[in-house]
Amino acid sequence: MTHRVILRFEIFPELARDFEETWSEIGESISREPANLGQTLVRDTEEEGVYWVLTDWEDEPRFRAFELSARHVVHRQRLKPYRKGGGMNVTEIVRHIVPASAA
């Protein structure tokens, strides 16, 4: 069952552009992980400096292995200067409904 990791990034507003560029570079690297199924960066429209990352993984054990890997520690260190707060939730997709037009 697919696992979706939801990350909340609270970014110093004056660093938002640099954060987006750095995240894009890191996202490209993560997209090459065999168990990664894709990711999306979104900017909150109501809270300045808040971003959300939605990233899907084949399963939780493979995500956790990546999360603890040395290469991911490097990613986190690169993002650290931009963050003033945030959080992470690991979720399991129960059901995904595609638009009727796509069926």
Protein backbone atom coordinates (compact mmCIF):
# COMPACT_ATOMS: atom_id res chain seq x y z
CA MET A 1 0.00 0.00 0.00
CA THR A 2 1.35 3.42 -0.95
CA HIS A 3 2.56 5.67 1.85
CA ARG A 4 2.36 9.44 1.57
CA VAL A 5 4.69 11.52 3.68
CA ILE A 6 3.43 15.03 4.35
CA LEU A 7 6.05 17.56 5.42
CA ARG A 8 5.33 21.07 6.68
CA PHE A 9 8.14 23.56 6.20
CA GLU A 10 8.02 26.92 7.95
CA ILE A 11 10.53 28.97 5.98
CA PHE A 12 12.03 32.37 6.70
CA PRO A 13 10.03 34.42 4.14
CA GLU A 14 13.09 36.28 2.84
CA LEU A 15 14.66 32.90 1.94
CA ALA A 16 11.64 31.46 0.13
CA ARG A 17 13.07 31.69 -3.40
CA ASP A 18 16.35 30.06 -2.39
CA PHE A 19 14.43 27.37 -0.48
CA GLU A 20 12.35 26.55 -3.57
CA GLU A 21 15.45 26.21 -5.74
CA THR A 22 17.28 24.07 -3.19
CA TRP A 23 14.22 21.90 -2.62
CA SER A 24 13.92 21.35 -6.39
CA GLU A 25 17.51 20.11 -6.58
CA ILE A 26 16.95 17.80 -3.62
CA GLY A 27 13.61 16.64 -5.05
CA GLU A 28 15.30 15.62 -8.28
CA SER A 29 17.76 13.52 -6.29
CA ILE A 30 15.01 11.90 -4.21
CA SER A 31 13.04 11.10 -7.38
CA ARG A 32 15.83 8.70 -8.33
CA GLU A 33 15.30 6.61 -5.19
CA PRO A 34 13.84 3.26 -6.34
CA ALA A 35 10.97 3.29 -3.81
CA ASN A 36 9.98 6.93 -4.41
CA LEU A 37 6.77 7.36 -6.42
CA GLY A 38 6.92 11.13 -6.80
CA GLN A 39 6.67 14.33 -4.83
CA THR A 40 5.10 17.74 -4.92
CA LEU A 41 6.07 21.05 -3.33
CA VAL A 42 3.18 23.42 -2.59
CA ARG A 43 3.16 26.89 -1.07
CA ASP A 44 0.43 27.74 1.44
CA THR A 45 -1.75 30.62 0.25
CA GLU A 46 -2.85 31.63 3.75
CA GLU A 47 0.33 31.41 5.82
CA GLU A 48 3.40 33.28 4.59
CA GLY A 49 6.51 31.14 4.50
CA VAL A 50 4.67 27.82 4.85
CA TYR A 51 5.28 25.05 2.33
CA TRP A 52 4.03 21.48 2.15
CA VAL A 53 5.80 18.54 0.55
CA LEU A 54 3.74 15.53 -0.47
CA THR A 55 5.90 12.55 -1.32
CA ASP A 56 4.73 9.02 -2.09
CA TRP A 57 6.64 5.83 -1.34
CA GLU A 58 6.07 2.18 -2.21
CA ASP A 59 5.86 1.27 1.48
CA GLU A 60 6.83 2.54 4.91
CA PRO A 61 9.90 0.30 5.45
CA ARG A 62 11.53 1.62 2.25
CA PHE A 63 10.70 5.19 3.19
CA ARG A 64 12.14 4.70 6.68
CA ALA A 65 15.31 3.19 5.21
CA PHE A 66 15.70 6.25 3.00
CA GLU A 67 14.88 8.60 5.89
CA LEU A 68 17.76 7.16 7.92
CA SER A 69 20.24 7.02 5.04
CA ALA A 70 23.39 9.13 4.93
CA ARG A 71 22.31 10.72 1.63
CA HIS A 72 19.07 11.96 3.21
CA VAL A 73 20.98 13.44 6.16
CA VAL A 74 22.81 15.56 3.58
CA HIS A 75 19.46 16.69 2.11
CA ARG A 76 18.15 17.69 5.53
CA GLN A 77 21.33 19.63 6.28
CA ARG A 78 20.98 21.56 3.02
CA LEU A 79 17.41 22.59 3.95
CA LYS A 80 18.10 23.41 7.59
CA PRO A 81 19.17 27.07 7.06
CA TYR A 82 15.80 27.89 5.48
CA ARG A 83 13.61 26.37 8.21
CA LYS A 84 12.29 27.97 11.33
CA GLY A 85 9.88 25.11 12.07
CA GLY A 86 7.78 22.35 10.60
CA GLY A 87 6.74 18.77 11.00
CA MET A 88 6.19 15.41 9.34
CA ASN A 89 3.33 12.94 9.10
CA VAL A 90 3.60 9.49 7.53
CA THR A 91 0.24 8.37 6.17
CA GLU A 92 -1.18 5.42 4.30
CA ILE A 93 -3.35 6.08 1.26
CA VAL A 94 -6.62 4.29 1.90
CA ARG A 95 -8.33 5.20 -1.33
CA HIS A 96 -7.48 7.35 -4.33
CA ILE A 97 -10.28 8.42 -6.65
CA VAL A 98 -9.31 9.58 -10.13
CA PRO A 99 -11.54 12.04 -11.97
CA ALA A 100 -14.26 10.41 -14.03
CA SER A 101 -12.80 12.06 -17.13
CA ALA A 102 -9.56 10.09 -16.64
CA ALA A 103 -11.30 6.72 -16.43
